[in-house]
C-alpha cells in the first residue's frame, strides 16, 4: 500500500475543502492546458465513492475513481484509487 503525504502552507480547513468539494477540486486538479474535468462526483462518507473524468479538447477522456475508507475532517482522508 502506498501512503502519500503532502504539506501545504494553508489553513487545514481550506485544504480539506479543496480536496472534498467538487467545484473547488475541478479548479485545481487538472492536467496540461486543454484538459477539463466534466465529471467530479464525491460521496464523502466511509464507503462512499468518488469519480473524476478528465477530457482533452480532442475528446480523449481519462477517468479514475475509488472508495473512501476513512474520513476524519479536516485531518485524514483515506481512499482507494483506480484509473480507467
N, C-alpha and C. Protein backbone atom coordinates (compact mmCIF):
# COMPACT_ATOMS: atom_id res chain seq x y z
N UNK A 1 0.84 -1.18 0.00
CA UNK A 1 0.00 0.00 0.00
C UNK A 1 0.88 1.24 0.00
N UNK A 2 0.53 2.20 -0.81
CA UNK A 2 1.29 3.43 -0.92
C UNK A 2 0.57 4.54 -0.16
N UNK A 3 1.24 5.12 0.80
CA UNK A 3 0.67 6.25 1.54
C UNK A 3 1.39 7.52 1.10
N UNK A 4 0.62 8.53 0.80
CA UNK A 4 1.20 9.80 0.36
C UNK A 4 0.90 10.88 1.37
N UNK A 5 1.90 11.71 1.59
CA UNK A 5 1.73 12.86 2.46
C UNK A 5 2.23 14.09 1.73
N UNK A 6 1.48 15.18 1.88
CA UNK A 6 1.90 16.45 1.29
C UNK A 6 1.63 17.54 2.32
N UNK A 7 2.45 18.56 2.31
CA UNK A 7 2.28 19.69 3.22
C UNK A 7 1.96 20.94 2.40
N UNK A 8 1.02 21.73 2.89
CA UNK A 8 0.61 22.96 2.22
C UNK A 8 0.64 24.10 3.21
N UNK A 9 1.09 25.26 2.76
CA UNK A 9 1.10 26.45 3.59
C UNK A 9 -0.26 27.13 3.47
N UNK A 10 -1.26 26.49 4.08
CA UNK A 10 -2.64 26.99 4.03
C UNK A 10 -3.39 26.46 5.25
N UNK A 11 -4.46 27.13 5.65
CA UNK A 11 -5.25 26.62 6.77
C UNK A 11 -5.81 25.23 6.43
N UNK A 12 -5.76 24.36 7.39
CA UNK A 12 -6.19 22.97 7.21
C UNK A 12 -7.60 22.88 6.63
N UNK A 13 -8.52 23.70 7.11
CA UNK A 13 -9.91 23.60 6.64
C UNK A 13 -10.03 23.96 5.15
N UNK A 14 -9.17 24.87 4.67
CA UNK A 14 -9.23 25.22 3.25
C UNK A 14 -8.66 24.10 2.37
N UNK A 15 -7.61 23.45 2.83
CA UNK A 15 -7.06 22.31 2.09
C UNK A 15 -8.11 21.20 2.04
N UNK A 16 -8.76 20.94 3.16
CA UNK A 16 -9.82 19.92 3.21
C UNK A 16 -10.91 20.24 2.20
N UNK A 17 -11.37 21.47 2.17
CA UNK A 17 -12.41 21.86 1.22
C UNK A 17 -11.94 21.68 -0.22
N UNK A 18 -10.69 22.02 -0.50
CA UNK A 18 -10.16 21.87 -1.86
C UNK A 18 -10.11 20.42 -2.31
N UNK A 19 -10.01 19.50 -1.36
CA UNK A 19 -9.98 18.07 -1.66
C UNK A 19 -11.35 17.41 -1.68
N UNK A 20 -12.34 18.05 -1.09
CA UNK A 20 -13.63 17.38 -0.90
C UNK A 20 -14.83 18.08 -1.54
N UNK A 21 -14.65 19.26 -2.09
CA UNK A 21 -15.76 19.96 -2.74
C UNK A 21 -15.55 19.96 -4.25
N UNK A 22 -16.47 19.34 -5.00
CA UNK A 22 -16.28 19.22 -6.46
C UNK A 22 -16.01 20.55 -7.16
N UNK A 23 -16.69 21.61 -6.80
CA UNK A 23 -16.48 22.88 -7.50
C UNK A 23 -15.06 23.41 -7.30
N UNK A 24 -14.45 23.14 -6.15
CA UNK A 24 -13.08 23.56 -5.91
C UNK A 24 -12.08 22.59 -6.54
N UNK A 25 -12.34 21.31 -6.43
CA UNK A 25 -11.45 20.30 -6.99
C UNK A 25 -11.30 20.48 -8.50
N UNK A 26 -12.39 20.81 -9.16
CA UNK A 26 -12.36 21.00 -10.62
C UNK A 26 -11.51 22.20 -11.03
N UNK A 27 -11.22 23.08 -10.10
CA UNK A 27 -10.42 24.28 -10.41
C UNK A 27 -8.92 24.02 -10.38
N UNK A 28 -8.48 23.00 -9.62
CA UNK A 28 -7.04 22.81 -9.49
C UNK A 28 -6.53 21.43 -9.92
N UNK A 29 -7.38 20.42 -9.94
CA UNK A 29 -6.93 19.06 -10.27
C UNK A 29 -7.06 18.81 -11.77
N UNK A 30 -6.30 19.55 -12.53
CA UNK A 30 -6.33 19.45 -13.99
C UNK A 30 -4.96 19.04 -14.51
N UNK A 31 -4.93 18.61 -15.74
CA UNK A 31 -3.67 18.25 -16.37
C UNK A 31 -3.11 19.42 -17.13
N UNK A 32 -2.44 19.12 -18.23
CA UNK A 32 -1.88 20.17 -19.07
C UNK A 32 -2.98 21.04 -19.67
N UNK A 33 -2.62 22.18 -20.26
CA UNK A 33 -3.62 23.02 -20.91
C UNK A 33 -4.44 22.22 -21.92
N UNK A 34 -5.72 22.55 -22.01
CA UNK A 34 -6.60 21.86 -22.94
C UNK A 34 -7.43 20.76 -22.30
N UNK A 35 -7.20 20.47 -21.04
CA UNK A 35 -7.96 19.44 -20.33
C UNK A 35 -8.98 20.10 -19.41
N UNK A 36 -10.14 19.49 -19.28
CA UNK A 36 -11.18 19.92 -18.34
C UNK A 36 -11.59 18.71 -17.51
N UNK A 37 -12.39 18.94 -16.49
CA UNK A 37 -12.91 17.86 -15.67
C UNK A 37 -14.45 17.95 -15.68
N UNK A 38 -15.09 17.33 -16.70
CA UNK A 38 -16.54 17.41 -16.79
C UNK A 38 -17.27 16.57 -15.74
N UNK A 39 -16.60 15.58 -15.18
CA UNK A 39 -17.22 14.74 -14.15
C UNK A 39 -16.38 14.82 -12.88
N UNK A 40 -17.00 15.24 -11.80
CA UNK A 40 -16.35 15.30 -10.50
C UNK A 40 -17.43 15.00 -9.45
N UNK A 41 -17.54 13.73 -9.12
CA UNK A 41 -18.56 13.28 -8.17
C UNK A 41 -17.91 12.83 -6.88
N UNK A 42 -18.44 13.28 -5.77
CA UNK A 42 -17.89 12.95 -4.46
C UNK A 42 -19.02 12.60 -3.51
N UNK A 43 -19.02 11.37 -3.01
CA UNK A 43 -19.95 10.93 -1.97
C UNK A 43 -19.12 10.76 -0.70
N UNK A 44 -18.93 11.86 0.01
CA UNK A 44 -17.98 11.93 1.12
C UNK A 44 -18.54 11.29 2.38
N UNK A 45 -18.41 9.97 2.42
CA UNK A 45 -18.76 9.18 3.59
C UNK A 45 -17.97 7.88 3.47
N UNK A 46 -17.69 7.25 4.59
CA UNK A 46 -16.98 5.98 4.55
C UNK A 46 -17.82 5.00 3.74
N UNK A 47 -17.21 4.40 2.75
CA UNK A 47 -17.92 3.52 1.82
C UNK A 47 -18.47 4.25 0.61
N UNK A 48 -18.45 5.58 0.65
CA UNK A 48 -18.91 6.39 -0.48
C UNK A 48 -17.88 6.38 -1.59
N UNK A 49 -18.33 6.63 -2.79
CA UNK A 49 -17.44 6.60 -3.95
C UNK A 49 -17.18 8.00 -4.48
N UNK A 50 -16.07 8.11 -5.20
CA UNK A 50 -15.79 9.34 -5.93
C UNK A 50 -15.44 8.96 -7.36
N UNK A 51 -15.63 9.90 -8.26
CA UNK A 51 -15.35 9.66 -9.68
C UNK A 51 -14.92 10.96 -10.32
N UNK A 52 -13.80 10.92 -11.04
CA UNK A 52 -13.29 12.07 -11.78
C UNK A 52 -13.04 11.64 -13.22
N UNK A 53 -13.47 12.47 -14.15
CA UNK A 53 -13.19 12.22 -15.56
C UNK A 53 -12.61 13.51 -16.14
N UNK A 54 -11.45 13.37 -16.78
CA UNK A 54 -10.82 14.49 -17.46
C UNK A 54 -11.05 14.33 -18.96
N UNK A 55 -11.22 15.45 -19.66
CA UNK A 55 -11.45 15.41 -21.11
C UNK A 55 -10.53 16.42 -21.79
N UNK A 56 -9.84 15.94 -22.82
CA UNK A 56 -8.97 16.79 -23.64
C UNK A 56 -9.81 17.42 -24.74
N UNK A 57 -9.33 18.51 -25.29
CA UNK A 57 -10.06 19.24 -26.34
C UNK A 57 -10.46 18.34 -27.51
N UNK A 58 -9.64 17.32 -27.82
CA UNK A 58 -9.94 16.43 -28.95
C UNK A 58 -10.94 15.32 -28.60
N UNK A 59 -11.45 15.32 -27.36
CA UNK A 59 -12.44 14.33 -26.94
C UNK A 59 -11.87 13.15 -26.17
N UNK A 60 -10.55 13.02 -26.11
CA UNK A 60 -9.92 11.96 -25.33
C UNK A 60 -10.32 12.10 -23.87
N UNK A 61 -10.65 10.99 -23.22
CA UNK A 61 -11.03 11.01 -21.81
C UNK A 61 -10.16 10.08 -20.98
N UNK A 62 -9.97 10.45 -19.74
CA UNK A 62 -9.28 9.63 -18.76
C UNK A 62 -10.07 9.73 -17.46
N UNK A 63 -10.34 8.60 -16.85
CA UNK A 63 -11.12 8.63 -15.62
C UNK A 63 -10.46 7.86 -14.50
N UNK A 64 -10.90 8.17 -13.31
CA UNK A 64 -10.45 7.44 -12.12
C UNK A 64 -11.52 7.55 -11.05
N UNK A 65 -11.46 6.65 -10.12
CA UNK A 65 -12.41 6.69 -9.03
C UNK A 65 -11.92 5.83 -7.89
N UNK A 66 -12.72 5.76 -6.86
CA UNK A 66 -12.35 4.96 -5.72
C UNK A 66 -13.42 5.02 -4.65
N UNK A 67 -13.08 4.46 -3.51
CA UNK A 67 -14.00 4.37 -2.38
C UNK A 67 -13.31 4.96 -1.16
N UNK A 68 -14.03 5.79 -0.42
CA UNK A 68 -13.49 6.37 0.81
C UNK A 68 -13.48 5.31 1.90
N UNK A 69 -12.33 5.14 2.54
CA UNK A 69 -12.15 4.13 3.59
C UNK A 69 -12.13 4.75 4.98
N UNK A 70 -11.60 5.98 5.08
CA UNK A 70 -11.53 6.66 6.37
C UNK A 70 -11.65 8.16 6.14
N UNK A 71 -12.48 8.81 6.94
CA UNK A 71 -12.69 10.25 6.83
C UNK A 71 -12.69 10.85 8.22
N UNK A 72 -11.73 11.73 8.46
CA UNK A 72 -11.64 12.44 9.73
C UNK A 72 -11.43 13.91 9.41
N UNK A 73 -12.52 14.67 9.21
CA UNK A 73 -12.37 16.08 8.84
C UNK A 73 -11.74 16.89 9.96
N UNK A 74 -10.90 17.80 9.66
CA UNK A 74 -10.20 18.06 8.41
C UNK A 74 -8.80 17.47 8.41
N UNK A 75 -8.63 16.29 9.03
CA UNK A 75 -7.30 15.73 9.26
C UNK A 75 -6.88 14.61 8.33
N UNK A 76 -7.79 13.72 8.00
CA UNK A 76 -7.38 12.49 7.33
C UNK A 76 -8.41 12.07 6.32
N UNK A 77 -7.93 11.70 5.14
CA UNK A 77 -8.79 11.23 4.05
C UNK A 77 -8.09 10.03 3.41
N UNK A 78 -8.67 8.85 3.58
CA UNK A 78 -8.08 7.63 3.05
C UNK A 78 -9.05 7.05 2.04
N UNK A 79 -8.54 6.76 0.84
CA UNK A 79 -9.41 6.23 -0.22
C UNK A 79 -8.61 5.33 -1.14
N UNK A 80 -9.32 4.44 -1.81
CA UNK A 80 -8.70 3.65 -2.88
C UNK A 80 -8.62 4.52 -4.12
N UNK A 81 -7.82 4.10 -5.09
CA UNK A 81 -7.67 4.87 -6.33
C UNK A 81 -7.45 3.90 -7.49
N UNK A 82 -8.34 3.96 -8.48
CA UNK A 82 -8.24 3.10 -9.65
C UNK A 82 -8.46 3.95 -10.90
N UNK A 83 -7.52 3.88 -11.84
CA UNK A 83 -7.65 4.59 -13.11
C UNK A 83 -8.31 3.69 -14.13
N UNK A 84 -9.11 4.28 -15.02
CA UNK A 84 -9.74 3.52 -16.10
C UNK A 84 -8.67 3.05 -17.08
